[in-house]
Amino acid sequence: MDTRKEKFPYGIPGHNLGEIEREIPIEEPPVWPVNDELKVIGKRVKRIDALEKVTGKAIYTSDIKLPGMLYAKMLRSNVPHATISSIDVSKARTLPGVHAIHLIENTPKEGQESGTNTYPMVKYVGQPLGGVAAESLEIAKEAVSLIKVNYEKKPFVIDMESAMEINAPIVFDAPITQQQDGGDVGETHDGSKGEGNVRGPSTSSFFGGPRGNLEEGFNEADVIVERTYRTQVHTHMPLETHGVVVDWGADVMTVYASTQNTAAVRNEMASVFNLPKSKVRVICEFMGGGFGAKHSAGSFGPMAANLAKKTSRPVWLMLDRKEEHLAEGNRPNSIQYLKIGAKKDGTLTGIQQRSHGTAGVGLGAGVGRIAQILYPCPNFATEQYDVLTNAGPGAAWRAPGNVQGAFGLEQAIDEMAEKLNLDPLRYRDRIDTSEVRKVERQRGAELFGWSRRQPPGSSKGVVKKGLGVGQSTWPRFVTLDSSVEIKIHKGGGVEVRSSVQDIGTGTKTILAQVVAEELGLQVKDIKVNIGDTFFPVGPGSGGSVVTGSITPPTRNAAFEAKMALLKLVAKKWETDSSELYVENGQVGHKTNTDLKMSFKEATKLMGTSQISKIASRTNDYGGFQQPWGLAYGDLGSVQFAEVSVNTETGFVKVDRIVAAHSCGRPLNIGQLESQINGGVIQGVSYALYENRVMDNGTGHMMNANIDQYKVPFSMEIPEIETIIVEEYSGRSSTDAYGIGEPANIATAAAIANAVYNAIGVRLYEIPITPSSILKALRNVS
């Protein structure tokens, strides 16, 4: 490959900004300077689809209406463990308005538990068994209620600790060999290891396995912290539920999907129905939120397609709130044991971690990699076990694993600081080698007023105030299968095309910003058409991968299209295209100021109706840590929490959060703040409110609806202040990364540390409720 060398900004403005030389592909654009010298990038640009969203013009999947469309409802199990002896659909079939019934039959995939029955074995309440398509949703619901399922019930287990016992009912009667990752990026969990319902352990990650010698590490330690932490099951609750509308035409199956990954849904549907990928089109123009559980077609996608195939009519199938809670993913719980050793000066000598978690009938209930990498320690080992239970499967949930892991680790570090008689923030300065988190701590502490922090439990009065801090880290993942097309149309229009979807985070806007910056235009001049698999393949929206994966090829394609246009202008002006520039909607000559024309006028020189350039993500400049796309560096944050704890009622109010974050080059400050706000609010909700409540006697979830599942109201959302730390590393043509995961990792840990500072009693389990506060205080008194 032909390359050239360029000097990139490197470091943090106002702290250590310098330059670094990188060797880059010769066809890629020249380096951008820092954001202060750019016109569009790094600015507070309003979302390009804001008006459509706030006026209700935006069409979401649930809004789709097609001629002749039928409405579908899923049939689900109402027992937690059983074999199905028969299903009687006769009454449902004769109900007026019913067009088709489809039952899921027993066709286990390789490695899954098999059986001889016609229907799959039931493993949890809410498991999909079939579906009905009818003239209206009401008729479909009534038809489902008329279907009689005859179960042969089996013993079941819901509680994780009960499931770990030797004589517990076994969730899978036969060994399972399938590997599922629970949505955790780059991780696999082997279901074939272990005994009974306990599978694993997983002892390594893409950062490696155990290191050093734990026994020696703890022998060297002057101080040891040894604790067990517990986190709860946390279900998904996006504004728009999972669902699809399937229109199976004569030539192409069109799937309108509320998805975080159009390409994955296309691939899955093509595979299920043995169709070429070119015969499946997935569209997601607007999407009402997704936090990790919307990467696949689920069971509802193939169900809608089967019903569409049987009826030759489009089928609408959106899940309701209860189905969302029961069957479409959750953040697994955890019981995590941590032992940390340190010398008198604070140097860490050993970290031992052992965790058990349940993702119901799925795998992937680990506690992430945060204990492995956040603080350097020469001796480390982890054992992470999955425990199978008769409950709905887990799924990725914004920074899978690391949120649970941070709750334990960051409390243990606080406790270690106290044993060493050190301020917890200063202790982190001592043991954290990340330069960007150092700056985040400095700037965050100043804005937050960390110097106000008093010794734990010293706050006076009934309502006690407390301050706490928590840190996060998340890998910089890049999806190399990320492509984009840029079109410059004769007449001046510019268009962006990719299958990448905007799940509400503002992907459309940052793509328009990148192209506008490169072409010297305004954001309003750029038309972004994404979320359609008939366009070049884009990345899924998960693991904070989108910005780092799709913005470099977007800029590269825009640069190629610009150079093609400038060659036409250069030919007219009889000069070299390298002497030309575009700026403020004008094409000009660097030395001959008389030579100017508008961008629109320049496009009239095109011999064809358009210039079209497609670019794909290339390797990072300087390569990756792992060739599949694990970039160097990390995405980190430091969050500060201020709480009020009423010691008579036990009520905890989070008053304020200061969140200091970094994500490489910031592209849109307003959108980044919006993402951080969302992550913090979800963190507050996780720390204090959300909790799946199961009935161990029936296997049913007791709070499976939006009016029963506790989340914070507007008055319970704290004041949130954000700090965005620019950090340049010169790894791609945009040097930008996402922020979705780290915004959610540290919040619960920071709140728990603040609660301890307020009342002087540490709580090792979330959600922190009035009951748990009062119980903790009573135990002390």
Foldseek 3Di string as FASTA:
>chain_A
DDWDKAWEWFWFPPPDTDIDIFIDHPLFDHFDHAPVPFDFFPAFDDFPCVVCVVVVVDAFQLNDDDPPAWEKDFQWDQFLWWDWPDKDLVVLVPQPFWDDKFFAFFDDDPQDAGDDDGHDTHHFTLHTTIMTIGRDPVSRVVSSVVMDIHTDGDAFFDDQVQQPDPPHDARGPDQGADWDALQDPQDTFGRRADDGQKGDWDKAGPVGGWFDDQVVLQVQFPDKDKDKFKFFKFFDDFPFFWWWKWQQDPQAIEIETQALFQLQQLVVVCVVVVHDSVRYKYFGAEHRDDFWQRHYCPPRNVNQVVSCVSRVHIYTYGDALLSRRFARAIQKMKIKIWMWGAYLVLATREIEMEMETEQAQHDNNAQDCCVVPQFDYRGYIYIYMYGYGSGYGHHHGQQRNLQNNQLPVLVSLCVVCVVSVHHSLVSCVVGGPDPQVVVQSVVLCVVVVVVPFDFAAPADDQKFKFKFKTKDWAFAFEAQQAKWKWKQFQQGAIEIEELRYCNPLSPQQLLLSLLCSLQQHDSVRYHYDYNMVVGRYHDGPHSQHRVVHHSQQSNSNSNVQNLVLLCLVCVVVVHDSVQWDHHNQKIAGNPPRVDIDGSNVSSNSDPDRIDMGMGTDDAWRVGAPDNSGGHPDIWMKMKMWMWIARLVQRDIATAEMEIETEWARRGHVVSQVVLLLVLLQVQLQSQAFFHFDADRVRSDTPQSRPVRGDGDDPVRRYHYHYHYTHGHDRTGSVRGTGDNRNSNRTNNSRVQRRVCRGRVFGDSYDNSYSVNSNVRVVVVD
